[in-house]
C-alpha atoms as a PDB file:
ATOM      1  CA  UNK A   1       0.000   0.000   0.000  1.00  0.00           C
ATOM      2  CA  UNK A   2       1.369   3.347  -1.031  1.00  0.00           C
ATOM      3  CA  UNK A   3       1.732   5.834   1.781  1.00  0.00           C
ATOM      4  CA  UNK A   4      -0.237   9.075   1.131  1.00  0.00           C
ATOM      5  CA  UNK A   5       1.957  11.979   0.111  1.00  0.00           C
ATOM      6  CA  UNK A   6       2.030  14.764   2.662  1.00  0.00           C
ATOM      7  CA  UNK A   7       1.202  18.113   0.986  1.00  0.00           C
ATOM      8  CA  UNK A   8       4.281  20.274   0.748  1.00  0.00           C
ATOM      9  CA  UNK A   9       4.096  23.658   2.456  1.00  0.00           C
ATOM     10  CA  UNK A  10       3.585  26.729   0.279  1.00  0.00           C
ATOM     11  CA  UNK A  11       6.699  28.259  -1.170  1.00  0.00           C
ATOM     12  CA  UNK A  12       7.997  31.530   0.221  1.00  0.00           C
ATOM     13  CA  UNK A  13       6.815  33.312  -2.916  1.00  0.00           C
ATOM     14  CA  UNK A  14       3.310  31.912  -2.498  1.00  0.00           C
ATOM     15  CA  UNK A  15       3.129  32.955   1.135  1.00  0.00           C
ATOM     16  CA  UNK A  16       4.349  36.459   0.332  1.00  0.00           C
ATOM     17  CA  UNK A  17       1.876  36.686  -2.556  1.00  0.00           C
ATOM     18  CA  UNK A  18      -0.941  35.692  -0.213  1.00  0.00           C
ATOM     19  CA  UNK A  19       0.122  38.380   2.241  1.00  0.00           C
ATOM     20  CA  UNK A  20       0.124  40.961  -0.558  1.00  0.00           C
ATOM     21  CA  UNK A  21      -3.287  39.835  -1.813  1.00  0.00           C
ATOM     22  CA  UNK A  22      -4.741  40.274   1.671  1.00  0.00           C
ATOM     23  CA  UNK A  23      -3.764  43.965   1.796  1.00  0.00           C
ATOM     24  CA  UNK A  24      -3.827  45.422  -1.740  1.00  0.00           C
ATOM     25  CA  UNK A  25      -2.110  48.786  -1.948  1.00  0.00           C
ATOM     26  CA  UNK A  26      -0.660  48.539   1.555  1.00  0.00           C
ATOM     27  CA  UNK A  27       2.977  48.678   2.572  1.00  0.00           C
ATOM     28  CA  UNK A  28       4.388  45.292   3.566  1.00  0.00           C
ATOM     29  CA  UNK A  29       6.171  44.868   6.911  1.00  0.00           C
ATOM     30  CA  UNK A  30       9.881  45.592   7.017  1.00  0.00           C
ATOM     31  CA  UNK A  31      12.280  42.953   5.679  1.00  0.00           C
ATOM     32  CA  UNK A  32      13.528  42.031   9.146  1.00  0.00           C
ATOM     33  CA  UNK A  33       9.978  41.354  10.343  1.00  0.00           C
ATOM     34  CA  UNK A  34       9.039  39.346   7.251  1.00  0.00           C
ATOM     35  CA  UNK A  35      12.190  37.240   7.442  1.00  0.00           C
ATOM     36  CA  UNK A  36      11.447  36.414  11.072  1.00  0.00           C
ATOM     37  CA  UNK A  37       7.799  35.637  10.346  1.00  0.00           C
ATOM     38  CA  UNK A  38       8.618  33.161   7.580  1.00  0.00           C
ATOM     39  CA  UNK A  39      11.817  31.778   9.113  1.00  0.00           C
ATOM     40  CA  UNK A  40      14.107  32.717   6.228  1.00  0.00           C
ATOM     41  CA  UNK A  41      17.168  34.854   5.786  1.00  0.00           C
ATOM     42  CA  UNK A  42      16.857  38.395   4.476  1.00  0.00           C
ATOM     43  CA  UNK A  43      18.762  37.300   1.387  1.00  0.00           C
ATOM     44  CA  UNK A  44      16.185  34.586   0.664  1.00  0.00           C
ATOM     45  CA  UNK A  45      13.407  37.086   1.312  1.00  0.00           C
ATOM     46  CA  UNK A  46      14.849  39.610  -1.138  1.00  0.00           C
ATOM     47  CA  UNK A  47      15.106  36.978  -3.863  1.00  0.00           C
ATOM     48  CA  UNK A  48      11.443  36.059  -3.362  1.00  0.00           C
ATOM     49  CA  UNK A  49      10.340  39.686  -3.320  1.00  0.00           C
ATOM     50  CA  UNK A  50      12.342  40.299  -6.487  1.00  0.00           C
ATOM     51  CA  UNK A  51      10.456  37.525  -8.278  1.00  0.00           C
ATOM     52  CA  UNK A  52       7.128  38.904  -7.075  1.00  0.00           C
ATOM     53  CA  UNK A  53       8.098  42.370  -8.249  1.00  0.00           C
ATOM     54  CA  UNK A  54       8.887  40.985 -11.716  1.00  0.00           C
ATOM     55  CA  UNK A  55       5.463  39.326 -11.678  1.00  0.00           C
ATOM     56  CA  UNK A  56       3.755  42.595 -10.770  1.00  0.00           C
ATOM     57  CA  UNK A  57       2.547  41.385  -7.364  1.00  0.00           C
ATOM     58  CA  UNK A  58       4.546  43.891  -5.309  1.00  0.00           C
ATOM     59  CA  UNK A  59       6.448  47.081  -6.050  1.00  0.00           C
ATOM     60  CA  UNK A  60       9.423  48.703  -4.341  1.00  0.00           C
ATOM     61  CA  UNK A  61       9.312  52.428  -3.659  1.00  0.00           C
ATOM     62  CA  UNK A  62      12.644  54.017  -2.959  1.00  0.00           C
ATOM     63  CA  UNK A  63      12.869  55.371   0.550  1.00  0.00           C
ATOM     64  CA  UNK A  64       9.435  54.067   1.463  1.00  0.00           C
ATOM     65  CA  UNK A  65       9.410  50.258   1.328  1.00  0.00           C
ATOM     66  CA  UNK A  66       7.701  47.438  -0.529  1.00  0.00           C
ATOM     67  CA  UNK A  67       4.002  47.697  -1.357  1.00  0.00           C
ATOM     68  CA  UNK A  68       1.375  45.205  -2.444  1.00  0.00           C
ATOM     69  CA  UNK A  69       0.099  46.069  -5.904  1.00  0.00           C
ATOM     70  CA  UNK A  70      -3.640  46.689  -5.918  1.00  0.00           C
ATOM     71  CA  UNK A  71      -5.066  44.912  -8.989  1.00  0.00           C
ATOM     72  CA  UNK A  72      -8.168  47.100  -8.746  1.00  0.00           C
ATOM     73  CA  UNK A  73      -6.229  50.354  -8.637  1.00  0.00           C
ATOM     74  CA  UNK A  74      -6.660  52.671 -11.572  1.00  0.00           C
ATOM     75  CA  UNK A  75      -3.966  55.059 -12.719  1.00  0.00           C
ATOM     76  CA  UNK A  76      -4.657  58.754 -12.405  1.00  0.00           C
ATOM     77  CA  UNK A  77      -6.896  59.827 -15.274  1.00  0.00           C
ATOM     78  CA  UNK A  78      -8.577  62.995 -14.052  1.00  0.00           C
ATOM     79  CA  UNK A  79      -8.058  65.673 -11.425  1.00  0.00           C
ATOM     80  CA  UNK A  80     -10.092  68.401  -9.785  1.00  0.00           C
ATOM     81  CA  UNK A  81      -8.575  71.870  -9.614  1.00  0.00           C
ATOM     82  CA  UNK A  82     -10.221  73.565  -6.622  1.00  0.00           C
ATOM     83  CA  UNK A  83      -9.589  77.314  -6.508  1.00  0.00           C
ATOM     84  CA  UNK A  84     -10.286  79.582  -3.548  1.00  0.00           C
ATOM     85  CA  UNK A  85     -13.359  81.612  -4.488  1.00  0.00           C
ATOM     86  CA  UNK A  86     -11.860  84.732  -2.935  1.00  0.00           C
ATOM     87  CA  UNK A  87      -8.915  84.765  -5.325  1.00  0.00           C
ATOM     88  CA  UNK A  88      -9.416  87.347  -8.052  1.00  0.00           C
ATOM     89  CA  UNK A  89      -7.388  85.661 -10.729  1.00  0.00           C
ATOM     90  CA  UNK A  90      -7.692  88.554 -13.147  1.00  0.00           C
ATOM     91  CA  UNK A  91      -6.070  90.854 -10.595  1.00  0.00           C
ATOM     92  CA  UNK A  92      -3.520  88.402  -9.199  1.00  0.00           C
ATOM     93  CA  UNK A  93      -0.891  87.522 -11.819  1.00  0.00           C
ATOM     94  CA  UNK A  94       0.862  85.023  -9.542  1.00  0.00           C
ATOM     95  CA  UNK A  95      -2.158  82.766  -8.935  1.00  0.00           C
ATOM     96  CA  UNK A  96      -3.433  83.320 -12.486  1.00  0.00           C
ATOM     97  CA  UNK A  97      -0.160  82.032 -13.906  1.00  0.00           C
ATOM     98  CA  UNK A  98      -0.108  79.109 -11.472  1.00  0.00           C
ATOM     99  CA  UNK A  99      -3.632  78.003 -12.432  1.00  0.00           C
ATOM    100  CA  UNK A 100      -2.835  78.343 -16.135  1.00  0.00           C
ATOM    101  CA  UNK A 101       0.315  76.230 -15.766  1.00  0.00           C
ATOM    102  CA  UNK A 102      -1.547  73.556 -13.782  1.00  0.00           C
ATOM    103  CA  UNK A 103      -4.076  73.261 -16.596  1.00  0.00           C
ATOM    104  CA  UNK A 104      -1.332  73.068 -19.206  1.00  0.00           C
ATOM    105  CA  UNK A 105       0.591  70.416 -17.273  1.00  0.00           C
ATOM    106  CA  UNK A 106      -2.568  68.344 -16.760  1.00  0.00           C
ATOM    107  CA  UNK A 107      -3.394  68.512 -20.460  1.00  0.00           C
ATOM    108  CA  UNK A 108       0.158  67.547 -21.430  1.00  0.00           C
ATOM    109  CA  UNK A 109      -0.090  64.530 -19.104  1.00  0.00           C
ATOM    110  CA  UNK A 110      -3.348  63.438 -20.727  1.00  0.00           C
ATOM    111  CA  UNK A 111      -5.436  64.188 -17.632  1.00  0.00           C
ATOM    112  CA  UNK A 112      -8.912  65.627 -17.746  1.00  0.00           C
ATOM    113  CA  UNK A 113      -9.165  68.651 -15.456  1.00  0.00           C
ATOM    114  CA  UNK A 114     -12.318  69.763 -13.692  1.00  0.00           C
ATOM    115  CA  UNK A 115     -12.131  73.318 -12.348  1.00  0.00           C
ATOM    116  CA  UNK A 116     -14.264  74.463  -9.428  1.00  0.00           C
ATOM    117  CA  UNK A 117     -14.384  77.519  -7.211  1.00  0.00           C
ATOM    118  CA  UNK A 118     -14.585  76.642  -3.531  1.00  0.00           C
ATOM    119  CA  UNK A 119     -14.879  78.396  -0.194  1.00  0.00           C
ATOM    120  CA  UNK A 120     -17.438  79.458   2.364  1.00  0.00           C
ATOM    121  CA  UNK A 121     -18.935  75.988   2.745  1.00  0.00           C
ATOM    122  CA  UNK A 122     -17.720  72.555   3.780  1.00  0.00           C
ATOM    123  CA  UNK A 123     -16.167  70.855   0.764  1.00  0.00           C
ATOM    124  CA  UNK A 124     -17.406  67.347   0.004  1.00  0.00           C
ATOM    125  CA  UNK A 125     -14.099  65.719  -0.876  1.00  0.00           C
ATOM    126  CA  UNK A 126     -15.797  62.473  -1.818  1.00  0.00           C
ATOM    127  CA  UNK A 127     -16.548  64.058  -5.180  1.00  0.00           C
ATOM    128  CA  UNK A 128     -12.851  64.693  -5.757  1.00  0.00           C
ATOM    129  CA  UNK A 129     -10.774  61.504  -5.667  1.00  0.00           C
ATOM    130  CA  UNK A 130      -7.677  63.449  -6.733  1.00  0.00           C
ATOM    131  CA  UNK A 131      -7.553  67.203  -6.238  1.00  0.00           C
ATOM    132  CA  UNK A 132      -5.153  70.135  -6.296  1.00  0.00           C
ATOM    133  CA  UNK A 133      -6.317  73.093  -4.241  1.00  0.00           C
ATOM    134  CA  UNK A 134      -5.131  76.673  -4.741  1.00  0.00           C
ATOM    135  CA  UNK A 135      -5.378  79.206  -1.922  1.00  0.00           C
ATOM    136  CA  UNK A 136      -6.634  79.335   1.645  1.00  0.00           C
ATOM    137  CA  UNK A 137      -9.881  77.469   1.006  1.00  0.00           C
ATOM    138  CA  UNK A 138      -7.716  74.386   0.570  1.00  0.00           C
ATOM    139  CA  UNK A 139      -7.550  74.160   4.355  1.00  0.00           C
ATOM    140  CA  UNK A 140     -11.174  73.003   4.434  1.00  0.00           C
ATOM    141  CA  UNK A 141     -10.437  70.341   1.839  1.00  0.00           C
ATOM    142  CA  UNK A 142      -7.439  69.076   3.795  1.00  0.00           C
ATOM    143  CA  UNK A 143      -9.464  68.895   7.004  1.00  0.00           C
ATOM    144  CA  UNK A 144     -12.258  67.020   5.223  1.00  0.00           C
ATOM    145  CA  UNK A 145     -10.063  64.587   3.294  1.00  0.00           C
ATOM    146  CA  UNK A 146      -8.978  62.450   6.267  1.00  0.00           C
ATOM    147  CA  UNK A 147      -7.264  59.963   3.963  1.00  0.00           C
ATOM    148  CA  UNK A 148     -10.333  59.473   1.764  1.00  0.00           C
ATOM    149  CA  UNK A 149      -8.996  61.502  -1.158  1.00  0.00           C
ATOM    150  CA  UNK A 150      -5.609  62.393  -2.612  1.00  0.00           C
ATOM    151  CA  UNK A 151      -5.014  66.125  -2.170  1.00  0.00           C
ATOM    152  CA  UNK A 152      -2.155  68.496  -2.931  1.00  0.00           C
ATOM    153  CA  UNK A 153      -2.848  71.843  -1.254  1.00  0.00           C
ATOM    154  CA  UNK A 154      -0.974  74.805  -2.765  1.00  0.00           C
ATOM    155  CA  UNK A 155      -0.428  77.737  -0.403  1.00  0.00           C
ATOM    156  CA  UNK A 156      -3.387  77.018   1.920  1.00  0.00           C
ATOM    157  CA  UNK A 157      -1.867  79.198   4.658  1.00  0.00           C
ATOM    158  CA  UNK A 158      -2.424  78.957   8.387  1.00  0.00           C
ATOM    159  CA  UNK A 159      -1.177  75.876  10.197  1.00  0.00           C
ATOM    160  CA  UNK A 160      -2.252  73.403   7.524  1.00  0.00           C
ATOM    161  CA  UNK A 161      -0.543  70.074   8.098  1.00  0.00           C
ATOM    162  CA  UNK A 162       0.082  67.154   5.722  1.00  0.00           C
ATOM    163  CA  UNK A 163      -1.581  63.850   6.481  1.00  0.00           C
ATOM    164  CA  UNK A 164      -2.627  60.533   4.917  1.00  0.00           C
ATOM    165  CA  UNK A 165      -2.673  61.154   1.139  1.00  0.00           C
ATOM    166  CA  UNK A 166      -2.454  64.926   1.728  1.00  0.00           C
ATOM    167  CA  UNK A 167       0.594  67.019   0.803  1.00  0.00           C
ATOM    168  CA  UNK A 168       0.949  70.737   1.499  1.00  0.00           C
ATOM    169  CA  UNK A 169       3.045  73.107  -0.616  1.00  0.00           C
ATOM    170  CA  UNK A 170       3.980  76.471   0.907  1.00  0.00           C
ATOM    171  CA  UNK A 171       6.351  79.305   0.080  1.00  0.00           C
ATOM    172  CA  UNK A 172       9.137  80.053   2.532  1.00  0.00           C
ATOM    173  CA  UNK A 173       7.952  83.632   3.065  1.00  0.00           C
ATOM    174  CA  UNK A 174      10.024  84.205   6.188  1.00  0.00           C
ATOM    175  CA  UNK A 175      13.258  83.338   4.401  1.00  0.00           C
ATOM    176  CA  UNK A 176      12.183  85.460   1.427  1.00  0.00           C
ATOM    177  CA  UNK A 177      11.902  88.455   3.743  1.00  0.00           C
ATOM    178  CA  UNK A 178      15.336  87.748   5.166  1.00  0.00           C
ATOM    179  CA  UNK A 179      16.823  87.541   1.675  1.00  0.00           C
ATOM    180  CA  UNK A 180      15.195  90.836   0.672  1.00  0.00           C
ATOM    181  CA  UNK A 181      16.715  92.631   3.655  1.00  0.00           C
ATOM    182  CA  UNK A 182      20.100  91.086   2.948  1.00  0.00           C
ATOM    183  CA  UNK A 183      20.023  92.532  -0.575  1.00  0.00           C
ATOM    184  CA  UNK A 184      19.291  96.024   0.748  1.00  0.00           C
ATOM    185  CA  UNK A 185      21.825  95.958   3.574  1.00  0.00           C
ATOM    186  CA  UNK A 186      24.454  94.765   1.085  1.00  0.00           C
ATOM    187  CA  UNK A 187      23.693  97.919  -0.894  1.00  0.00           C
ATOM    188  CA  UNK A 188      24.440 100.033   2.143  1.00  0.00           C
ATOM    189  CA  UNK A 189      20.894 100.965   3.165  1.00  0.00           C
ATOM    190  CA  UNK A 190      20.747 102.262   6.735  1.00  0.00           C
ATOM    191  CA  UNK A 191      16.939 102.008   6.954  1.00  0.00           C
ATOM    192  CA  UNK A 192      14.379  99.680   5.354  1.00  0.00           C
ATOM    193  CA  UNK A 193      10.691 100.377   4.784  1.00  0.00           C
ATOM    194  CA  UNK A 194       8.541  97.290   4.234  1.00  0.00           C
ATOM    195  CA  UNK A 195       5.312  98.017   2.351  1.00  0.00           C
ATOM    196  CA  UNK A 196       2.721  95.317   2.945  1.00  0.00           C
ATOM    197  CA  UNK A 197      -0.381  94.285   4.856  1.00  0.00           C
ATOM    198  CA  UNK A 198       0.044  92.772   8.302  1.00  0.00           C
ATOM    199  CA  UNK A 199      -3.371  91.055   8.180  1.00  0.00           C
ATOM    200  CA  UNK A 200      -2.181  88.876   5.261  1.00  0.00           C
ATOM    201  CA  UNK A 201      -0.176  85.884   6.495  1.00  0.00           C
ATOM    202  CA  UNK A 202       2.405  85.863   3.687  1.00  0.00           C
ATOM    203  CA  UNK A 203       3.008  89.595   4.021  1.00  0.00           C
ATOM    204  CA  UNK A 204       3.350  89.287   7.781  1.00  0.00           C
ATOM    205  CA  UNK A 205       5.858  86.448   7.471  1.00  0.00           C
ATOM    206  CA  UNK A 206       7.913  88.367   4.929  1.00  0.00           C
ATOM    207  CA  UNK A 207       7.976  91.413   7.190  1.00  0.00           C
ATOM    208  CA  UNK A 208       9.162  89.394  10.197  1.00  0.00           C
ATOM    209  CA  UNK A 209      11.813  87.748   8.017  1.00  0.00           C
ATOM    210  CA  UNK A 210      12.924  91.180   6.809  1.00  0.00           C
ATOM    211  CA  UNK A 211      13.319  92.374  10.401  1.00  0.00           C
ATOM    212  CA  UNK A 212      15.523  89.408  11.277  1.00  0.00           C
ATOM    213  CA  UNK A 213      17.529  89.609   8.068  1.00  0.00           C
ATOM    214  CA  UNK A 214      18.231  93.321   8.533  1.00  0.00           C
ATOM    215  CA  UNK A 215      20.202  92.801  11.745  1.00  0.00           C
ATOM    216  CA  UNK A 216      20.830  96.190  13.328  1.00  0.00           C
ATOM    217  CA  UNK A 217      19.263  98.112  10.420  1.00  0.00           C
ATOM    218  CA  UNK A 218      15.786  99.335  11.448  1.00  0.00           C
ATOM    219  CA  UNK A 219      12.792  98.021   9.462  1.00  0.00           C
ATOM    220  CA  UNK A 220       9.570 100.045   9.416  1.00  0.00           C
ATOM    221  CA  UNK A 221       6.238  98.552   8.334  1.00  0.00           C
ATOM    222  CA  UNK A 222       4.127 100.737   6.053  1.00  0.00           C
ATOM    223  CA  UNK A 223       0.593  99.362   5.788  1.00  0.00           C
ATOM    224  CA  UNK A 224      -0.844  99.280   2.284  1.00  0.00           C
ATOM    225  CA  UNK A 225      -3.235  97.279   0.156  1.00  0.00           C
ATOM    226  CA  UNK A 226      -1.311  94.951  -2.111  1.00  0.00           C
ATOM    227  CA  UNK A 227      -2.272  96.184  -5.575  1.00  0.00           C
ATOM    228  CA  UNK A 228      -0.914  98.569  -8.185  1.00  0.00           C
ATOM    229  CA  UNK A 229      -3.302 101.445  -7.473  1.00  0.00           C
ATOM    230  CA  UNK A 230      -2.608 101.332  -3.740  1.00  0.00           C
ATOM    231  CA  UNK A 231       1.102 101.249  -4.578  1.00  0.00           C
ATOM    232  CA  UNK A 232       0.843 104.533  -6.465  1.00  0.00           C
ATOM    233  CA  UNK A 233      -0.773 106.327  -3.548  1.00  0.00           C
ATOM    234  CA  UNK A 234       1.657 104.821  -1.041  1.00  0.00           C
ATOM    235  CA  UNK A 235       4.542 105.698  -3.352  1.00  0.00           C
ATOM    236  CA  UNK A 236       3.492 109.351  -3.402  1.00  0.00           C
ATOM    237  CA  UNK A 237       3.451 109.405   0.401  1.00  0.00           C
ATOM    238  CA  UNK A 238       6.848 107.718   0.539  1.00  0.00           C
ATOM    239  CA  UNK A 239       8.203 110.229  -1.975  1.00  0.00           C
ATOM    240  CA  UNK A 240       7.231 113.085   0.317  1.00  0.00           C
ATOM    241  CA  UNK A 241       9.161 111.440   3.165  1.00  0.00           C
ATOM    242  CA  UNK A 242      12.241 110.900   1.015  1.00  0.00           C
ATOM    243  CA  UNK A 243      12.728 114.595   0.350  1.00  0.00           C
ATOM    244  CA  UNK A 244      14.768 114.862   3.536  1.00  0.00           C
ATOM    245  CA  UNK A 245      17.246 112.301   2.196  1.00  0.00           C
ATOM    246  CA  UNK A 246      18.609 109.227   3.954  1.00  0.00           C
ATOM    247  CA  UNK A 247      19.799 105.954   2.462  1.00  0.00           C
ATOM    248  CA  UNK A 248      16.467 104.129   2.577  1.00  0.00           C
ATOM    249  CA  UNK A 249      15.668 100.834   0.863  1.00  0.00           C
ATOM    250  CA  UNK A 250      12.142  99.586   0.104  1.00  0.00           C
ATOM    251  CA  UNK A 251      10.614  96.113   0.185  1.00  0.00           C
ATOM    252  CA  UNK A 252       7.216  95.636  -1.488  1.00  0.00           C
ATOM    253  CA  UNK A 253       5.113  92.559  -0.760  1.00  0.00           C
ATOM    254  CA  UNK A 254       4.536  91.798  -4.455  1.00  0.00           C
ATOM    255  CA  UNK A 255       5.576  92.947  -7.909  1.00  0.00           C
ATOM    256  CA  UNK A 256       2.502  94.942  -8.867  1.00  0.00           C
ATOM    257  CA  UNK A 257       2.645  96.818  -5.584  1.00  0.00           C
ATOM    258  CA  UNK A 258       6.336  97.518  -6.302  1.00  0.00           C
ATOM    259  CA  UNK A 259       5.549  98.901  -9.771  1.00  0.00           C
ATOM    260  CA  UNK A 260       2.890 101.151  -8.224  1.00  0.00           C
ATOM    261  CA  UNK A 261       5.362 102.375  -5.614  1.00  0.00           C
ATOM    262  CA  UNK A 262       7.896 103.323  -8.274  1.00  0.00           C
ATOM    263  CA  UNK A 263       5.262 105.150 -10.338  1.00  0.00           C
ATOM    264  CA  UNK A 264       3.961 106.932  -7.241  1.00  0.00           C
ATOM    265  CA  UNK A 265       7.444 108.085  -6.264  1.00  0.00           C
ATOM    266  CA  UNK A 266       7.992 109.435  -9.775  1.00  0.00           C
ATOM    267  CA  UNK A 267       4.715 111.340  -9.508  1.00  0.00           C
ATOM    268  CA  UNK A 268       5.785 112.777  -6.144  1.00  0.00           C
ATOM    269  CA  UNK A 269       8.159 115.164  -7.911  1.00  0.00           C
ATOM    270  CA  UNK A 270      11.385 114.106  -6.216  1.00  0.00           C
ATOM    271  CA  UNK A 271      13.332 113.833  -9.464  1.00  0.00           C
ATOM    272  CA  UNK A 272      16.087 111.256  -9.781  1.00  0.00           C
ATOM    273  CA  UNK A 273      15.533 110.232  -6.170  1.00  0.00           C
ATOM    274  CA  UNK A 274      12.408 108.369  -7.293  1.00  0.00           C
ATOM    275  CA  UNK A 275      14.495 105.911  -9.303  1.00  0.00           C
ATOM    276  CA  UNK A 276      17.570 105.728  -7.091  1.00  0.00           C
ATOM    277  CA  UNK A 277      15.800 104.201  -4.070  1.00  0.00           C
ATOM    278  CA  UNK A 278      16.615 100.434  -4.028  1.00  0.00           C
ATOM    279  CA  UNK A 279      13.387  98.437  -4.326  1.00  0.00           C
ATOM    280  CA  UNK A 280      13.004  94.691  -3.717  1.00  0.00           C
ATOM    281  CA  UNK A 281       9.777  92.745  -4.234  1.00  0.00           C
ATOM    282  CA  UNK A 282       8.492  89.194  -4.622  1.00  0.00           C
ATOM    283  CA  UNK A 283       6.925  86.922  -7.298  1.00  0.00           C
ATOM    284  CA  UNK A 284       9.261  87.351 -10.283  1.00  0.00           C
ATOM    285  CA  UNK A 285       6.571  88.426 -12.755  1.00  0.00           C
ATOM    286  CA  UNK A 286       7.558  89.796 -16.180  1.00  0.00           C
ATOM    287  CA  UNK A 287       6.398  93.305 -15.268  1.00  0.00           C
ATOM    288  CA  UNK A 288       9.068  93.470 -12.558  1.00  0.00           C
ATOM    289  CA  UNK A 289      11.785  92.642 -15.076  1.00  0.00           C
ATOM    290  CA  UNK A 290      11.281  95.915 -16.961  1.00  0.00           C
ATOM    291  CA  UNK A 291      14.612  97.685 -16.555  1.00  0.00           C
ATOM    292  CA  UNK A 292      12.884 101.058 -16.369  1.00  0.00           C
ATOM    293  CA  UNK A 293      11.347 100.172 -13.003  1.00  0.00           C
ATOM    294  CA  UNK A 294      14.676  99.172 -11.392  1.00  0.00           C
ATOM    295  CA  UNK A 295      13.072  96.444  -9.255  1.00  0.00           C
ATOM    296  CA  UNK A 296      14.851  93.399  -7.843  1.00  0.00           C
ATOM    297  CA  UNK A 297      12.183  90.702  -7.668  1.00  0.00           C
ATOM    298  CA  UNK A 298      12.631  87.399  -5.831  1.00  0.00           C
ATOM    299  CA  UNK A 299      10.895  84.890  -8.085  1.00  0.00           C
ATOM    300  CA  UNK A 300       8.522  82.125  -7.025  1.00  0.00           C
ATOM    301  CA  UNK A 301       9.359  78.938  -9.008  1.00  0.00           C
ATOM    302  CA  UNK A 302       5.819  78.738 -10.401  1.00  0.00           C
ATOM    303  CA  UNK A 303       6.590  76.309 -13.222  1.00  0.00           C
ATOM    304  CA  UNK A 304       8.388  73.968 -10.815  1.00  0.00           C
ATOM    305  CA  UNK A 305       5.486  74.077  -8.352  1.00  0.00           C
ATOM    306  CA  UNK A 306       2.943  73.259 -11.079  1.00  0.00           C
ATOM    307  CA  UNK A 307       4.956  70.268 -12.321  1.00  0.00           C
ATOM    308  CA  UNK A 308       5.702  69.022  -8.802  1.00  0.00           C
ATOM    309  CA  UNK A 309       2.046  69.297  -7.801  1.00  0.00           C
ATOM    310  CA  UNK A 310       0.939  66.900 -10.530  1.00  0.00           C
ATOM    311  CA  UNK A 311       3.754  64.445  -9.821  1.00  0.00           C
ATOM    312  CA  UNK A 312       2.939  64.513  -6.108  1.00  0.00           C
ATOM    313  CA  UNK A 313      -0.769  63.985  -6.750  1.00  0.00           C
ATOM    314  CA  UNK A 314       0.033  60.952  -8.877  1.00  0.00           C
ATOM    315  CA  UNK A 315       2.264  59.586  -6.097  1.00  0.00           C
ATOM    316  CA  UNK A 316      -0.524  59.984  -3.545  1.00  0.00           C
ATOM    317  CA  UNK A 317      -3.197  58.570  -5.828  1.00  0.00           C
ATOM    318  CA  UNK A 318      -1.279  55.552  -7.075  1.00  0.00           C
ATOM    319  CA  UNK A 319       0.443  54.736  -3.809  1.00  0.00           C
ATOM    320  CA  UNK A 320      -2.435  53.420  -1.710  1.00  0.00           C
ATOM    321  CA  UNK A 321      -2.064  54.359   1.948  1.00  0.00           C
ATOM    322  CA  UNK A 322       0.697  56.878   1.327  1.00  0.00           C
ATOM    323  CA  UNK A 323       1.354  59.638   3.828  1.00  0.00           C
ATOM    324  CA  UNK A 324       1.708  63.139   2.454  1.00  0.00           C
ATOM    325  CA  UNK A 325       4.418  65.641   3.274  1.00  0.00           C
ATOM    326  CA  UNK A 326       5.079  69.331   3.708  1.00  0.00           C
ATOM    327  CA  UNK A 327       7.180  70.994   0.997  1.00  0.00           C
ATOM    328  CA  UNK A 328       8.499  74.575   1.130  1.00  0.00           C
ATOM    329  CA  UNK A 329       9.756  76.535  -1.849  1.00  0.00           C
ATOM    330  CA  UNK A 330      12.283  79.314  -1.648  1.00  0.00           C
ATOM    331  CA  UNK A 331      12.179  82.420  -3.795  1.00  0.00           C
ATOM    332  CA  UNK A 332      15.124  83.158  -6.061  1.00  0.00           C
ATOM    333  CA  UNK A 333      16.766  86.260  -7.478  1.00  0.00           C
END
């Protein structure tokens, strides 16, 4: 009588595949833990994982670990572009250019792009499986997402934190202010006037950075609305103060405000003094590059942010239970 054959235990690959199938999209335990669980060496484990990766059962993500491939997962095909309803894109060249570039990048990547104005009400993120938010209203989206949607929040302001499948992009406004002051002190300015609006978070951060970056040079805050027309009126008032002389340098919170300041100073009737006052601003828009305005503008890397936002959204969407991150961008001369 032939003795019944005892079923052989599953191979290591089969056991790992079963573990991956039980948690599609999830990160597998660390190699040390898996090797201990299955009673194999880490070398044997890596060989088995390599075979499963070739078979499309798992995938390795550099710096993150090994993940089970979700057979039901769909690659990113469409995104929602959620724009703060309070942003006046026609009057804000920075955000207008950012939104335009996001649309262009999405189109180039073959993604359909749904655009929606948000703000003032709770945002139902369930309608937006993959979204990029622009402006402060993105804070509501981030708070509502709770890992249920993939979200990249661009400049949401406040104390917005990254979380499960949520990444936050911000500008390093404090450092930008420091850099602006450093430019003026290097030019020998013995006083700095910062023209901005303390109730606006970015302006406030840039002012505080300017104070720190100026060292012993005094920095005075001049309150102003942040548009071209307000810049003209503020520039006239500054021109009247400059009659008495002094080696003063100016920092404007954005480029259009800076252009208005220069025009206002020219209208103040102070002659060549109107153009000789060093003026630093932020954004890096084409208008600030006009040599006739003599403005040094620290540029926001808008094109880089737009490209990075789409790449990050794809990472969050395709990665399963991926945790987001906080990314800060510096401004450049």
